[in-house]
Amino acid sequence: MFVLAWVAGGVVALAGALTVAELAILYPRSGGIYVYLREAFGKLPAFLFGWAELLILRPAAYGAIAVTSAEYLLRTFGVDGAPPVLGPLSRAQVVAVAMIATVAAINRRGVEFGAIVQNVSTALKVAALLGLVALGLLLAPETTAPVPAAAAPAADGAFVLAMVAILWAYDGWCDVGFVSGEVRDPQRALPGCSSSGPLRSSRSTSRPTSCTCGSSRWSRWPAPRWSPPTWPPP
């Protein structure tokens, strides 16, 4: 079920990436989605999207990613991120602010230095995924006990909830359109750039998922200290 969710998320992300790549080829100008909305619906929707992207969408996404990263970082060292340490800010939120400030300082340093840091962080991420694959293969039992089938409503709800996080993991395929005006030969380069990201992400994430789900020893690990969101919200 989990592997199927990753594959389905990869298919959706690939379809979106190819769609954005086609738009980037038709309008090879810097601005990305802003340019596409302006050409399709006019200046006002594009203007509103630009300000929403600047004030709401990007800050909210960066904040959510930073807080999630801080929570997992603190959990790795056995530290609780919930207690407040700086006024209303929790320990995880303070670490998240430090992460965002660090990334901003790296980007301000220059494009070349930022590219080096990004390449190193990507290599570490891929190495961690390969480590999960190795652990899954090493911890896989010789015989697999039959697993009872889950109820249909619960399985459907879990699948939809998993797709939310999975599509978030695939996010980023539309960002190449923001710099399409600076790409040489966009008709040739953009489709490959847009499609290679979801394909590589799908391949690198489905393997550790299939390995870890096949090992019964992972069930001994403590459950995470968060609860999935419910709909409608209380």
C-alpha atoms as a PDB file:
ATOM      1  CA  MET A   1       0.000   0.000   0.000  1.00  0.00           C
ATOM      2  CA  PHE A   2       2.787   2.435   0.931  1.00  0.00           C
ATOM      3  CA  VAL A   3       4.822   1.643  -2.173  1.00  0.00           C
ATOM      4  CA  LEU A   4       1.703   2.108  -4.287  1.00  0.00           C
ATOM      5  CA  ALA A   5       1.165   5.519  -2.679  1.00  0.00           C
ATOM      6  CA  TRP A   6       4.709   6.595  -3.558  1.00  0.00           C
ATOM      7  CA  VAL A   7       4.292   5.401  -7.143  1.00  0.00           C
ATOM      8  CA  ALA A   8       0.924   7.158  -7.459  1.00  0.00           C
ATOM      9  CA  GLY A   9       2.414  10.361  -6.080  1.00  0.00           C
ATOM     10  CA  GLY A  10       5.252  10.092  -8.584  1.00  0.00           C
ATOM     11  CA  VAL A  11       2.792   9.725 -11.464  1.00  0.00           C
ATOM     12  CA  VAL A  12       0.827  12.787 -10.338  1.00  0.00           C
ATOM     13  CA  ALA A  13       4.002  14.822  -9.868  1.00  0.00           C
ATOM     14  CA  LEU A  14       5.336  13.743 -13.259  1.00  0.00           C
ATOM     15  CA  ALA A  15       2.076  14.767 -14.968  1.00  0.00           C
ATOM     16  CA  GLY A  16       2.225  18.164 -13.297  1.00  0.00           C
ATOM     17  CA  ALA A  17       5.904  18.588 -14.143  1.00  0.00           C
ATOM     18  CA  LEU A  18       5.328  17.843 -17.818  1.00  0.00           C
ATOM     19  CA  THR A  19       2.407  20.270 -17.878  1.00  0.00           C
ATOM     20  CA  VAL A  20       4.504  23.050 -16.364  1.00  0.00           C
ATOM     21  CA  ALA A  21       7.353  22.198 -18.730  1.00  0.00           C
ATOM     22  CA  GLU A  22       5.044  22.657 -21.708  1.00  0.00           C
ATOM     23  CA  LEU A  23       3.945  26.035 -20.377  1.00  0.00           C
ATOM     24  CA  ALA A  24       7.566  27.012 -19.774  1.00  0.00           C
ATOM     25  CA  ILE A  25       8.376  26.158 -23.392  1.00  0.00           C
ATOM     26  CA  LEU A  26       5.475  28.249 -24.652  1.00  0.00           C
ATOM     27  CA  TYR A  27       6.391  31.190 -22.377  1.00  0.00           C
ATOM     28  CA  PRO A  28      10.163  30.984 -21.720  1.00  0.00           C
ATOM     29  CA  ARG A  29      10.230  34.018 -19.444  1.00  0.00           C
ATOM     30  CA  SER A  30      11.260  34.357 -15.822  1.00  0.00           C
ATOM     31  CA  GLY A  31       8.325  34.339 -13.418  1.00  0.00           C
ATOM     32  CA  GLY A  32       6.982  30.824 -13.681  1.00  0.00           C
ATOM     33  CA  ILE A  33       3.382  30.451 -12.549  1.00  0.00           C
ATOM     34  CA  TYR A  34       2.975  34.228 -12.430  1.00  0.00           C
ATOM     35  CA  VAL A  35       3.619  34.406 -16.188  1.00  0.00           C
ATOM     36  CA  TYR A  36       1.277  31.497 -16.936  1.00  0.00           C
ATOM     37  CA  LEU A  37      -1.564  33.033 -14.909  1.00  0.00           C
ATOM     38  CA  ARG A  38      -1.053  36.409 -16.546  1.00  0.00           C
ATOM     39  CA  GLU A  39      -1.187  34.934 -20.032  1.00  0.00           C
ATOM     40  CA  ALA A  40      -4.223  32.764 -19.227  1.00  0.00           C
ATOM     41  CA  PHE A  41      -6.378  34.933 -16.940  1.00  0.00           C
ATOM     42  CA  GLY A  42      -4.979  38.460 -17.076  1.00  0.00           C
ATOM     43  CA  LYS A  43      -2.892  40.755 -14.940  1.00  0.00           C
ATOM     44  CA  LEU A  44      -5.086  40.934 -11.816  1.00  0.00           C
ATOM     45  CA  PRO A  45      -5.061  37.191 -10.963  1.00  0.00           C
ATOM     46  CA  ALA A  46      -1.329  37.076 -11.653  1.00  0.00           C
ATOM     47  CA  PHE A  47      -0.778  40.148  -9.465  1.00  0.00           C
ATOM     48  CA  LEU A  48      -2.749  38.616  -6.587  1.00  0.00           C
ATOM     49  CA  PHE A  49      -0.920  35.314  -6.943  1.00  0.00           C
ATOM     50  CA  GLY A  50       2.433  37.080  -6.845  1.00  0.00           C
ATOM     51  CA  TRP A  51       1.674  38.801  -3.563  1.00  0.00           C
ATOM     52  CA  ALA A  52       0.080  35.660  -2.110  1.00  0.00           C
ATOM     53  CA  GLU A  53       3.201  33.728  -3.078  1.00  0.00           C
ATOM     54  CA  LEU A  54       5.421  36.313  -1.402  1.00  0.00           C
ATOM     55  CA  LEU A  55       3.446  36.862   1.809  1.00  0.00           C
ATOM     56  CA  ILE A  56       1.581  33.577   2.411  1.00  0.00           C
ATOM     57  CA  LEU A  57       2.435  30.555   0.271  1.00  0.00           C
ATOM     58  CA  ARG A  58       6.228  30.537   0.396  1.00  0.00           C
ATOM     59  CA  PRO A  59       6.590  31.645   4.052  1.00  0.00           C
ATOM     60  CA  ALA A  60       4.033  29.053   5.167  1.00  0.00           C
ATOM     61  CA  ALA A  61       5.763  26.292   3.203  1.00  0.00           C
ATOM     62  CA  TYR A  62       9.211  27.238   4.464  1.00  0.00           C
ATOM     63  CA  GLY A  63       7.936  27.454   8.026  1.00  0.00           C
ATOM     64  CA  ALA A  64       6.250  24.053   7.865  1.00  0.00           C
ATOM     65  CA  ILE A  65       9.332  22.414   6.356  1.00  0.00           C
ATOM     66  CA  ALA A  66      11.631  24.040   8.911  1.00  0.00           C
ATOM     67  CA  VAL A  67       9.463  23.087  11.892  1.00  0.00           C
ATOM     68  CA  THR A  68       9.148  19.492  10.666  1.00  0.00           C
ATOM     69  CA  SER A  69      12.912  19.279  10.134  1.00  0.00           C
ATOM     70  CA  ALA A  70      13.539  20.738  13.584  1.00  0.00           C
ATOM     71  CA  GLU A  71      11.154  18.258  15.203  1.00  0.00           C
ATOM     72  CA  TYR A  72      12.912  15.292  13.624  1.00  0.00           C
ATOM     73  CA  LEU A  73      16.355  16.733  14.373  1.00  0.00           C
ATOM     74  CA  LEU A  74      15.530  17.129  18.059  1.00  0.00           C
ATOM     75  CA  ARG A  75      13.870  13.725  18.158  1.00  0.00           C
ATOM     76  CA  THR A  76      17.064  12.180  16.793  1.00  0.00           C
ATOM     77  CA  PHE A  77      18.899  13.383  19.909  1.00  0.00           C
ATOM     78  CA  GLY A  78      16.036  12.455  22.236  1.00  0.00           C
ATOM     79  CA  VAL A  79      15.025  16.061  22.908  1.00  0.00           C
ATOM     80  CA  ASP A  80      11.412  17.150  23.188  1.00  0.00           C
ATOM     81  CA  GLY A  81      10.672  20.076  20.884  1.00  0.00           C
ATOM     82  CA  ALA A  82       7.333  21.047  22.395  1.00  0.00           C
ATOM     83  CA  PRO A  83       8.315  22.996  25.562  1.00  0.00           C
ATOM     84  CA  PRO A  84       8.510  26.801  25.107  1.00  0.00           C
ATOM     85  CA  VAL A  85      11.990  28.253  25.474  1.00  0.00           C
ATOM     86  CA  LEU A  86      11.713  31.776  24.071  1.00  0.00           C
ATOM     87  CA  GLY A  87       8.399  33.352  24.975  1.00  0.00           C
ATOM     88  CA  PRO A  88       5.634  31.570  23.043  1.00  0.00           C
ATOM     89  CA  LEU A  89       8.147  29.880  20.723  1.00  0.00           C
ATOM     90  CA  SER A  90       8.840  26.216  21.380  1.00  0.00           C
ATOM     91  CA  ARG A  91      12.253  24.615  21.173  1.00  0.00           C
ATOM     92  CA  ALA A  92      11.456  23.218  17.720  1.00  0.00           C
ATOM     93  CA  GLN A  93      10.295  26.600  16.454  1.00  0.00           C
ATOM     94  CA  VAL A  94      13.501  28.273  17.653  1.00  0.00           C
ATOM     95  CA  VAL A  95      15.559  25.642  15.844  1.00  0.00           C
ATOM     96  CA  ALA A  96      13.384  26.153  12.758  1.00  0.00           C
ATOM     97  CA  VAL A  97      14.070  29.891  12.820  1.00  0.00           C
ATOM     98  CA  ALA A  98      17.803  29.158  13.042  1.00  0.00           C
ATOM     99  CA  MET A  99      17.519  26.804  10.055  1.00  0.00           C
ATOM    100  CA  ILE A 100      15.751  29.407   7.924  1.00  0.00           C
ATOM    101  CA  ALA A 101      18.301  32.058   8.908  1.00  0.00           C
ATOM    102  CA  THR A 102      21.152  29.690   8.001  1.00  0.00           C
ATOM    103  CA  VAL A 103      19.695  28.940   4.567  1.00  0.00           C
ATOM    104  CA  ALA A 104      19.123  32.663   3.968  1.00  0.00           C
ATOM    105  CA  ALA A 105      22.743  33.432   4.882  1.00  0.00           C
ATOM    106  CA  ILE A 106      23.965  30.699   2.534  1.00  0.00           C
ATOM    107  CA  ASN A 107      21.905  32.057  -0.353  1.00  0.00           C
ATOM    108  CA  ARG A 108      23.099  35.591   0.377  1.00  0.00           C
ATOM    109  CA  ARG A 109      26.681  34.394   0.196  1.00  0.00           C
ATOM    110  CA  GLY A 110      26.317  33.672  -3.511  1.00  0.00           C
ATOM    111  CA  VAL A 111      24.978  31.256  -6.102  1.00  0.00           C
ATOM    112  CA  GLU A 112      28.144  29.157  -6.310  1.00  0.00           C
ATOM    113  CA  PHE A 113      28.405  28.643  -2.563  1.00  0.00           C
ATOM    114  CA  GLY A 114      24.684  27.887  -2.378  1.00  0.00           C
ATOM    115  CA  ALA A 115      25.059  25.302  -5.150  1.00  0.00           C
ATOM    116  CA  ILE A 116      27.882  23.599  -3.240  1.00  0.00           C
ATOM    117  CA  VAL A 117      25.812  23.411  -0.060  1.00  0.00           C
ATOM    118  CA  GLN A 118      22.816  22.124  -2.009  1.00  0.00           C
ATOM    119  CA  ASN A 119      24.875  19.415  -3.707  1.00  0.00           C
ATOM    120  CA  VAL A 120      26.355  18.300  -0.389  1.00  0.00           C
ATOM    121  CA  SER A 121      22.946  18.217   1.319  1.00  0.00           C
ATOM    122  CA  THR A 122      21.466  16.281  -1.613  1.00  0.00           C
ATOM    123  CA  ALA A 123      24.282  13.726  -1.411  1.00  0.00           C
ATOM    124  CA  LEU A 124      23.660  13.311   2.322  1.00  0.00           C
ATOM    125  CA  LYS A 125      19.943  12.879   1.710  1.00  0.00           C
ATOM    126  CA  VAL A 126      20.495  10.196  -0.925  1.00  0.00           C
ATOM    127  CA  ALA A 127      23.028   8.477   1.348  1.00  0.00           C
ATOM    128  CA  ALA A 128      20.428   8.415   4.146  1.00  0.00           C
ATOM    129  CA  LEU A 129      17.868   6.855   1.804  1.00  0.00           C
ATOM    130  CA  LEU A 130      20.385   4.226   0.709  1.00  0.00           C
ATOM    131  CA  GLY A 131      21.088   3.563   4.374  1.00  0.00           C
ATOM    132  CA  LEU A 132      17.384   2.928   4.931  1.00  0.00           C
ATOM    133  CA  VAL A 133      17.418   0.484   2.020  1.00  0.00           C
ATOM    134  CA  ALA A 134      20.389  -1.346   3.544  1.00  0.00           C
ATOM    135  CA  LEU A 135      18.720  -1.489   6.970  1.00  0.00           C
ATOM    136  CA  GLY A 136      15.530  -2.790   5.404  1.00  0.00           C
ATOM    137  CA  LEU A 137      17.406  -5.570   3.663  1.00  0.00           C
ATOM    138  CA  LEU A 138      19.399  -6.463   6.764  1.00  0.00           C
ATOM    139  CA  LEU A 139      16.388  -6.457   9.102  1.00  0.00           C
ATOM    140  CA  ALA A 140      14.027  -8.255   6.737  1.00  0.00           C
ATOM    141  CA  PRO A 141      12.835 -11.539   8.295  1.00  0.00           C
ATOM    142  CA  GLU A 142      13.359 -14.832   6.510  1.00  0.00           C
ATOM    143  CA  THR A 143       9.653 -15.648   6.609  1.00  0.00           C
ATOM    144  CA  THR A 144       6.894 -13.119   6.471  1.00  0.00           C
ATOM    145  CA  ALA A 145       3.816 -13.723   8.576  1.00  0.00           C
ATOM    146  CA  PRO A 146       0.486 -13.115   6.862  1.00  0.00           C
ATOM    147  CA  VAL A 147      -0.873  -9.663   7.577  1.00  0.00           C
ATOM    148  CA  PRO A 148      -4.650  -9.374   8.005  1.00  0.00           C
ATOM    149  CA  ALA A 149      -6.343  -7.094   5.517  1.00  0.00           C
ATOM    150  CA  ALA A 150      -7.354  -3.710   6.900  1.00  0.00           C
ATOM    151  CA  ALA A 151     -10.857  -2.370   6.705  1.00  0.00           C
ATOM    152  CA  ALA A 152     -11.631  -0.497   3.509  1.00  0.00           C
ATOM    153  CA  PRO A 153     -12.547   2.900   5.052  1.00  0.00           C
ATOM    154  CA  ALA A 154      -9.430   3.002   7.232  1.00  0.00           C
ATOM    155  CA  ALA A 155      -7.196   1.955   4.327  1.00  0.00           C
ATOM    156  CA  ASP A 156      -8.708   4.594   2.074  1.00  0.00           C
ATOM    157  CA  GLY A 157      -8.257   7.276   4.710  1.00  0.00           C
ATOM    158  CA  ALA A 158      -4.662   6.260   5.362  1.00  0.00           C
ATOM    159  CA  PHE A 159      -3.904   6.245   1.641  1.00  0.00           C
ATOM    160  CA  VAL A 160      -5.297   9.758   1.150  1.00  0.00           C
ATOM    161  CA  LEU A 161      -3.456  11.033   4.223  1.00  0.00           C
ATOM    162  CA  ALA A 162      -0.231   9.464   2.973  1.00  0.00           C
ATOM    163  CA  MET A 163      -0.679  11.113  -0.421  1.00  0.00           C
ATOM    164  CA  VAL A 164      -0.671  14.542   1.228  1.00  0.00           C
ATOM    165  CA  ALA A 165       2.798  14.009   2.672  1.00  0.00           C
ATOM    166  CA  ILE A 166       4.027  12.204  -0.454  1.00  0.00           C
ATOM    167  CA  LEU A 167       2.995  14.995  -2.821  1.00  0.00           C
ATOM    168  CA  TRP A 168       4.686  17.422  -0.467  1.00  0.00           C
ATOM    169  CA  ALA A 169       7.871  15.360  -0.745  1.00  0.00           C
ATOM    170  CA  TYR A 170       7.655  15.578  -4.545  1.00  0.00           C
ATOM    171  CA  ASP A 171       7.069  19.343  -4.445  1.00  0.00           C
ATOM    172  CA  GLY A 172       9.474  21.565  -6.346  1.00  0.00           C
ATOM    173  CA  TRP A 173       8.924  20.440  -9.926  1.00  0.00           C
ATOM    174  CA  CYS A 174       7.167  23.722 -10.779  1.00  0.00           C
ATOM    175  CA  ASP A 175       9.993  25.927  -9.494  1.00  0.00           C
ATOM    176  CA  VAL A 176      12.129  25.503 -12.599  1.00  0.00           C
ATOM    177  CA  GLY A 177       9.640  27.687 -14.468  1.00  0.00           C
ATOM    178  CA  PHE A 178      10.622  30.705 -12.372  1.00  0.00           C
ATOM    179  CA  VAL A 179      14.037  30.815 -14.070  1.00  0.00           C
ATOM    180  CA  SER A 180      13.037  29.516 -17.504  1.00  0.00           C
ATOM    181  CA  GLY A 181      13.968  32.868 -19.027  1.00  0.00           C
ATOM    182  CA  GLU A 182      17.579  32.264 -18.012  1.00  0.00           C
ATOM    183  CA  VAL A 183      17.811  28.725 -19.417  1.00  0.00           C
ATOM    184  CA  ARG A 184      19.663  28.124 -22.650  1.00  0.00           C
ATOM    185  CA  ASP A 185      17.601  26.262 -25.249  1.00  0.00           C
ATOM    186  CA  PRO A 186      14.483  25.941 -23.015  1.00  0.00           C
ATOM    187  CA  GLN A 187      12.607  23.807 -25.574  1.00  0.00           C
ATOM    188  CA  ARG A 188      15.184  21.088 -25.060  1.00  0.00           C
ATOM    189  CA  ALA A 189      16.320  21.568 -21.462  1.00  0.00           C
ATOM    190  CA  LEU A 190      13.100  22.256 -19.557  1.00  0.00           C
ATOM    191  CA  PRO A 191      11.217  18.975 -20.246  1.00  0.00           C
ATOM    192  CA  GLY A 192      14.189  16.955 -19.047  1.00  0.00           C
ATOM    193  CA  CYS A 193      14.716  19.133 -15.977  1.00  0.00           C
ATOM    194  CA  SER A 194      11.058  19.003 -15.005  1.00  0.00           C
ATOM    195  CA  SER A 195      10.585  15.264 -15.506  1.00  0.00           C
ATOM    196  CA  SER A 196      13.878  14.029 -14.049  1.00  0.00           C
ATOM    197  CA  GLY A 197      13.078  15.343 -10.561  1.00  0.00           C
ATOM    198  CA  PRO A 198       9.852  13.374  -9.961  1.00  0.00           C
ATOM    199  CA  LEU A 199      11.307  10.259 -11.610  1.00  0.00           C
ATOM    200  CA  ARG A 200      14.428  10.272  -9.454  1.00  0.00           C
ATOM    201  CA  SER A 201      12.453  11.111  -6.321  1.00  0.00           C
ATOM    202  CA  SER A 202      10.027   8.259  -6.993  1.00  0.00           C
ATOM    203  CA  ARG A 203      12.845   5.791  -7.487  1.00  0.00           C
ATOM    204  CA  SER A 204      14.841   6.920  -4.445  1.00  0.00           C
ATOM    205  CA  THR A 205      11.873   6.964  -2.049  1.00  0.00           C
ATOM    206  CA  SER A 206       9.949   3.861  -3.124  1.00  0.00           C
ATOM    207  CA  ARG A 207      12.947   1.590  -2.510  1.00  0.00           C
ATOM    208  CA  PRO A 208      13.442   2.420   1.183  1.00  0.00           C
ATOM    209  CA  THR A 209       9.681   2.265   1.688  1.00  0.00           C
ATOM    210  CA  SER A 210       9.443  -1.219   0.210  1.00  0.00           C
ATOM    211  CA  CYS A 211      12.425  -2.412   2.245  1.00  0.00           C
ATOM    212  CA  THR A 212      11.304  -0.986   5.564  1.00  0.00           C
ATOM    213  CA  CYS A 213       7.723  -2.169   5.136  1.00  0.00           C
ATOM    214  CA  GLY A 214       9.014  -5.682   4.532  1.00  0.00           C
ATOM    215  CA  SER A 215      10.822  -5.866   7.864  1.00  0.00           C
ATOM    216  CA  SER A 216       8.812  -6.789  10.940  1.00  0.00           C
ATOM    217  CA  ARG A 217      11.476  -5.425  13.284  1.00  0.00           C
ATOM    218  CA  TRP A 218      10.476  -1.878  12.449  1.00  0.00           C
ATOM    219  CA  SER A 219       7.274  -2.462  14.422  1.00  0.00           C
ATOM    220  CA  ARG A 220       9.323  -2.480  17.619  1.00  0.00           C
ATOM    221  CA  TRP A 221      10.220   1.172  17.184  1.00  0.00           C
ATOM    222  CA  PRO A 222       8.211   3.641  19.294  1.00  0.00           C
ATOM    223  CA  ALA A 223       5.329   5.366  17.585  1.00  0.00           C
ATOM    224  CA  PRO A 224       5.833   9.005  16.575  1.00  0.00           C
ATOM    225  CA  ARG A 225       4.492  11.647  18.925  1.00  0.00           C
ATOM    226  CA  TRP A 226       2.101  13.243  16.486  1.00  0.00           C
ATOM    227  CA  SER A 227      -1.416  12.537  15.365  1.00  0.00           C
ATOM    228  CA  PRO A 228      -2.659  12.787  11.784  1.00  0.00           C
ATOM    229  CA  PRO A 229      -5.006  15.682  11.088  1.00  0.00           C
ATOM    230  CA  THR A 230      -8.728  15.075  10.984  1.00  0.00           C
ATOM    231  CA  TRP A 231     -11.316  16.515   8.644  1.00  0.00           C
ATOM    232  CA  PRO A 232     -13.369  18.518   9.242  1.00  0.00           C
ATOM    233  CA  PRO A 233     -11.183  20.267  11.835  1.00  0.00           C
ATOM    234  CA  PRO A 234     -12.645  20.633  15.347  1.00  0.00           C
END
